[in-house]
N, C-alpha and C. Protein backbone atom coordinates (compact mmCIF):
# COMPACT_ATOMS: atom_id res chain seq x y z
N MET A 1 1.81 27.58 -17.50
CA MET A 1 3.50 27.52 -16.86
C MET A 1 3.32 26.26 -16.17
N ALA A 2 4.57 26.14 -16.77
CA ALA A 2 4.88 24.40 -16.38
C ALA A 2 5.36 24.78 -14.42
N CYS A 3 5.23 23.28 -14.21
CA CYS A 3 5.78 23.32 -12.50
C CYS A 3 7.12 22.81 -12.89
N GLU A 4 8.20 23.31 -11.84
CA GLU A 4 9.53 22.85 -11.99
C GLU A 4 10.20 22.17 -10.58
N THR A 5 10.63 20.82 -10.08
CA THR A 5 10.89 20.73 -9.21
C THR A 5 12.35 21.50 -8.94
N PRO A 6 12.09 21.95 -7.52
CA PRO A 6 13.59 22.54 -7.33
C PRO A 6 14.81 22.08 -7.28
N PRO A 7 16.32 22.09 -7.60
CA PRO A 7 17.32 21.57 -7.08
C PRO A 7 17.45 20.78 -6.59
N GLY A 8 17.58 19.59 -6.19
CA GLY A 8 18.35 18.71 -4.70
C GLY A 8 16.61 18.63 -4.12
N ALA A 9 15.46 18.60 -4.64
CA ALA A 9 14.34 18.29 -3.91
C ALA A 9 13.78 16.95 -3.53
N VAL A 10 14.60 15.92 -4.80
CA VAL A 10 14.55 15.03 -5.02
C VAL A 10 15.72 14.23 -4.15
N GLU A 11 16.43 14.83 -3.99
CA GLU A 11 17.67 14.27 -3.03
C GLU A 11 17.12 14.11 -1.50
N ARG A 12 16.19 15.50 -1.10
CA ARG A 12 16.34 15.69 0.19
C ARG A 12 14.94 14.87 0.16
N SER A 13 14.23 14.54 -0.46
CA SER A 13 12.73 13.95 -0.25
C SER A 13 13.00 12.52 0.17
N ARG A 14 14.03 11.53 -0.56
CA ARG A 14 14.88 10.58 -0.45
C ARG A 14 14.99 10.45 0.79
N MET A 15 15.89 11.56 1.12
CA MET A 15 16.65 11.57 2.85
C MET A 15 15.74 11.57 3.96
N SER A 16 14.41 11.78 3.80
CA SER A 16 13.18 13.09 4.54
C SER A 16 12.77 11.78 5.74
N GLY A 17 12.73 10.43 5.05
CA GLY A 17 12.28 9.67 5.78
C GLY A 17 11.57 8.38 4.48
N LYS A 18 11.01 7.43 5.69
CA LYS A 18 10.72 6.09 5.03
C LYS A 18 9.06 6.19 4.65
N ILE A 19 8.99 5.72 3.68
CA ILE A 19 7.88 5.63 2.34
C ILE A 19 7.11 4.42 3.43
N THR A 20 5.91 4.80 3.48
CA THR A 20 4.82 3.11 3.64
C THR A 20 3.96 3.55 2.92
N CYS A 21 3.27 1.91 2.57
CA CYS A 21 2.41 2.31 1.48
C CYS A 21 1.16 1.24 2.59
N VAL A 22 -0.03 1.65 2.47
CA VAL A 22 -1.19 0.60 3.30
C VAL A 22 -2.16 0.70 2.14
N ILE A 23 -2.38 -0.49 2.21
CA ILE A 23 -3.62 -0.52 1.13
C ILE A 23 -4.86 -1.38 1.68
N PRO A 24 -5.50 -0.83 2.23
CA PRO A 24 -7.04 -1.32 3.10
C PRO A 24 -7.77 -2.09 1.84
N VAL A 25 -8.22 -3.21 1.85
CA VAL A 25 -9.02 -3.75 0.93
C VAL A 25 -9.94 -5.02 1.48
N TYR A 26 -11.13 -4.94 1.43
CA TYR A 26 -12.51 -5.91 1.25
C TYR A 26 -12.81 -6.47 0.10
N ASN A 27 -12.36 -7.72 -0.19
CA ASN A 27 -12.84 -8.39 -1.62
C ASN A 27 -12.45 -7.47 -2.33
N GLY A 28 -11.04 -7.48 -2.85
CA GLY A 28 -10.61 -6.05 -4.33
C GLY A 28 -10.19 -7.13 -4.78
N GLN A 29 -10.70 -8.19 -4.93
CA GLN A 29 -9.47 -8.98 -6.18
C GLN A 29 -9.46 -8.20 -7.55
N ALA A 30 -10.86 -7.39 -7.78
CA ALA A 30 -10.89 -6.87 -9.10
C ALA A 30 -9.90 -5.96 -9.52
N PHE A 31 -9.32 -5.25 -8.45
CA PHE A 31 -8.16 -4.12 -8.32
C PHE A 31 -7.01 -4.50 -8.08
N LEU A 32 -6.80 -5.56 -7.08
CA LEU A 32 -5.64 -5.40 -5.95
C LEU A 32 -4.21 -5.55 -6.99
N LEU A 33 -4.34 -6.58 -7.78
CA LEU A 33 -3.15 -6.91 -8.64
C LEU A 33 -2.68 -5.48 -9.21
N GLN A 34 -3.51 -5.39 -9.99
CA GLN A 34 -3.51 -3.54 -10.28
C GLN A 34 -2.76 -2.50 -9.65
N THR A 35 -3.72 -2.49 -8.43
CA THR A 35 -3.17 -1.37 -7.35
C THR A 35 -1.67 -1.94 -7.21
N LEU A 36 -1.48 -3.24 -6.93
CA LEU A 36 0.02 -3.62 -6.03
C LEU A 36 1.36 -3.14 -7.67
N GLN A 37 1.22 -3.37 -8.58
CA GLN A 37 1.86 -3.46 -9.65
C GLN A 37 1.91 -1.58 -10.12
N SER A 38 1.16 -0.92 -9.41
CA SER A 38 1.30 0.80 -9.86
C SER A 38 1.72 0.79 -8.69
N VAL A 39 1.77 0.53 -7.34
CA VAL A 39 2.91 0.99 -6.30
C VAL A 39 4.10 0.46 -6.31
N ALA A 40 4.53 -0.39 -6.84
CA ALA A 40 5.62 -1.36 -7.34
C ALA A 40 6.67 -0.24 -8.08
N VAL A 41 5.77 0.14 -9.09
CA VAL A 41 6.41 0.77 -9.86
C VAL A 41 6.81 2.26 -10.03
N GLN A 42 6.28 3.19 -8.80
CA GLN A 42 6.30 4.28 -8.60
C GLN A 42 7.93 4.55 -8.70
N THR A 43 7.95 6.31 -8.86
CA THR A 43 9.04 6.65 -8.88
C THR A 43 10.06 6.57 -7.16
N PHE A 44 9.15 6.93 -6.66
CA PHE A 44 9.66 6.80 -4.75
C PHE A 44 9.11 5.65 -4.64
N LYS A 45 10.14 4.35 -4.82
CA LYS A 45 9.75 3.00 -3.99
C LYS A 45 9.35 3.18 -2.53
N PRO A 46 8.14 2.65 -2.16
CA PRO A 46 7.92 2.10 -0.74
C PRO A 46 9.18 1.55 0.19
N ASP A 47 9.15 1.89 1.19
CA ASP A 47 10.24 1.23 2.04
C ASP A 47 9.24 0.10 2.51
N ARG A 48 7.95 0.11 2.51
CA ARG A 48 7.17 -1.06 3.05
C ARG A 48 5.26 -1.04 2.13
N ILE A 49 5.09 -2.11 1.90
CA ILE A 49 3.95 -1.99 1.40
C ILE A 49 3.08 -3.35 2.53
N ILE A 50 1.71 -2.34 2.79
CA ILE A 50 1.26 -3.67 3.64
C ILE A 50 -0.19 -3.79 3.12
N VAL A 51 -0.96 -4.95 2.97
CA VAL A 51 -2.04 -5.26 2.82
C VAL A 51 -3.02 -5.36 3.76
N LEU A 52 -3.64 -4.43 4.21
CA LEU A 52 -4.59 -4.82 5.44
C LEU A 52 -6.15 -5.31 5.08
N ASP A 53 -6.11 -6.66 5.15
CA ASP A 53 -7.31 -7.60 4.68
C ASP A 53 -8.54 -7.50 5.46
N ASP A 54 -9.76 -6.72 5.20
CA ASP A 54 -10.66 -6.51 6.36
C ASP A 54 -11.78 -7.94 6.15
N TRP A 55 -11.41 -9.43 6.43
CA TRP A 55 -11.90 -10.45 6.21
C TRP A 55 -12.79 -10.50 4.82
N SER A 56 -11.42 -10.56 3.78
CA SER A 56 -12.03 -10.30 2.53
C SER A 56 -12.24 -12.31 2.45
N THR A 57 -13.56 -12.59 1.13
CA THR A 57 -13.98 -14.00 1.14
C THR A 57 -13.55 -14.23 -0.14
N ASP A 58 -13.08 -13.22 -0.85
CA ASP A 58 -12.46 -13.78 -2.32
C ASP A 58 -11.01 -14.28 -2.27
N GLU A 59 -10.50 -13.86 -3.56
CA GLU A 59 -9.04 -14.58 -3.91
C GLU A 59 -8.18 -13.25 -3.16
N THR A 60 -8.20 -12.27 -2.36
CA THR A 60 -7.48 -11.16 -1.80
C THR A 60 -6.48 -11.62 -1.50
N PRO A 61 -6.43 -12.51 -0.41
CA PRO A 61 -5.12 -13.11 0.08
C PRO A 61 -3.83 -14.26 -1.01
N ARG A 62 -4.43 -14.71 -1.97
CA ARG A 62 -3.70 -15.58 -2.56
C ARG A 62 -3.21 -14.47 -3.92
N ILE A 63 -3.91 -12.98 -4.26
CA ILE A 63 -3.26 -12.45 -4.92
C ILE A 63 -2.29 -11.81 -4.42
N VAL A 64 -1.91 -11.27 -2.88
CA VAL A 64 -0.99 -10.79 -2.86
C VAL A 64 0.32 -11.69 -2.33
N GLN A 65 -0.18 -13.02 -1.76
CA GLN A 65 0.85 -13.81 -1.63
C GLN A 65 1.37 -14.55 -3.00
N GLY A 66 0.62 -14.14 -4.08
CA GLY A 66 1.76 -14.65 -5.38
C GLY A 66 2.36 -13.35 -6.25
N PHE A 67 2.02 -12.42 -5.77
CA PHE A 67 2.65 -11.04 -6.31
C PHE A 67 4.22 -10.85 -6.21
N ASP A 68 4.74 -10.81 -7.10
CA ASP A 68 6.38 -10.94 -6.76
C ASP A 68 7.03 -9.71 -7.44
N GLY A 69 6.18 -8.51 -7.36
CA GLY A 69 6.69 -7.16 -7.87
C GLY A 69 7.71 -6.26 -6.86
N ALA A 70 6.87 -7.11 -5.49
CA ALA A 70 7.57 -6.00 -4.51
C ALA A 70 7.58 -7.08 -2.74
N ILE A 71 8.14 -6.82 -2.49
CA ILE A 71 7.74 -7.07 -0.83
C ILE A 71 6.44 -6.82 -0.11
N VAL A 72 5.51 -7.35 -0.11
CA VAL A 72 4.11 -7.21 0.28
C VAL A 72 3.79 -7.59 1.38
N GLU A 73 3.49 -6.90 2.90
CA GLU A 73 3.20 -7.86 3.73
C GLU A 73 1.55 -7.64 4.15
N TYR A 74 1.32 -9.17 4.23
CA TYR A 74 -0.30 -9.06 4.38
C TYR A 74 -0.78 -9.31 6.17
N ILE A 75 -1.86 -8.19 6.20
CA ILE A 75 -1.99 -8.65 7.70
C ILE A 75 -3.86 -8.38 7.07
N ARG A 76 -4.38 -9.50 7.93
CA ARG A 76 -5.69 -9.88 8.20
C ARG A 76 -6.25 -9.29 9.45
N ASN A 77 -7.25 -8.41 9.48
CA ASN A 77 -7.75 -7.92 10.53
C ASN A 77 -8.43 -9.13 11.87
N PRO A 78 -8.14 -8.98 12.80
CA PRO A 78 -8.72 -10.31 13.60
C PRO A 78 -10.12 -10.28 13.58
N GLU A 79 -11.01 -9.38 13.28
CA GLU A 79 -12.07 -9.10 12.77
C GLU A 79 -12.54 -8.38 11.94
N ARG A 80 -14.22 -8.62 11.56
CA ARG A 80 -14.51 -7.44 10.34
C ARG A 80 -14.54 -6.22 10.71
N LEU A 81 -13.82 -5.14 10.68
CA LEU A 81 -13.95 -3.70 11.15
C LEU A 81 -14.60 -2.83 10.13
N GLY A 82 -14.98 -3.14 9.13
CA GLY A 82 -16.03 -2.33 7.90
C GLY A 82 -14.99 -1.25 7.76
N LEU A 83 -15.42 -0.43 6.50
CA LEU A 83 -14.53 0.26 5.83
C LEU A 83 -13.65 1.11 6.44
N PHE A 84 -14.65 1.98 7.21
CA PHE A 84 -14.26 3.18 8.32
C PHE A 84 -13.01 2.57 9.32
N GLY A 85 -13.45 1.59 9.62
CA GLY A 85 -13.02 0.62 10.90
C GLY A 85 -11.29 0.39 10.09
N ASN A 86 -11.52 -0.41 9.12
CA ASN A 86 -10.25 -0.85 8.30
C ASN A 86 -9.13 0.28 7.82
N CYS A 87 -9.87 1.54 7.17
CA CYS A 87 -9.20 2.83 6.88
C CYS A 87 -8.22 3.32 7.86
N ASN A 88 -9.08 3.62 9.43
CA ASN A 88 -8.52 4.16 10.15
C ASN A 88 -7.20 3.31 11.45
N ARG A 89 -7.59 1.60 10.79
CA ARG A 89 -6.63 1.23 11.35
C ARG A 89 -5.69 1.04 10.38
N ALA A 90 -5.52 1.33 9.06
CA ALA A 90 -4.43 1.66 8.03
C ALA A 90 -3.65 2.51 8.50
N LEU A 91 -4.47 3.65 9.32
CA LEU A 91 -3.52 4.98 9.72
C LEU A 91 -2.44 4.69 10.58
N GLU A 92 -2.77 3.47 11.51
CA GLU A 92 -1.99 3.01 12.91
C GLU A 92 -0.19 2.64 12.07
N PHE A 93 -0.14 2.36 10.73
CA PHE A 93 0.92 2.01 10.23
C PHE A 93 1.65 3.13 9.85
N ALA A 94 0.86 3.88 9.36
CA ALA A 94 1.44 5.29 8.46
C ALA A 94 2.33 6.04 9.84
N VAL A 95 2.72 5.53 11.01
CA VAL A 95 3.71 6.33 11.54
C VAL A 95 5.04 5.87 11.83
């Protein structure tokens, strides 16, 4: 059975609020560019893209700064929070 979108659902979704995409990352240079490219070409473009860096020691900052497919905010945590701390902090931006 095929799944169909109800008439007007797309329009209502676009009007219902803002979309924020927060990408928590630590030493994610291997996949970060591909992730950013994927987010930038979604059907519903996010109003805000944030990369939340947990003190990466690789090329993460350079990749974000060099990305030109969308406007991306780069935020580096004031200290290393670890996986769960960084993900929990990411949730703060979802409100």
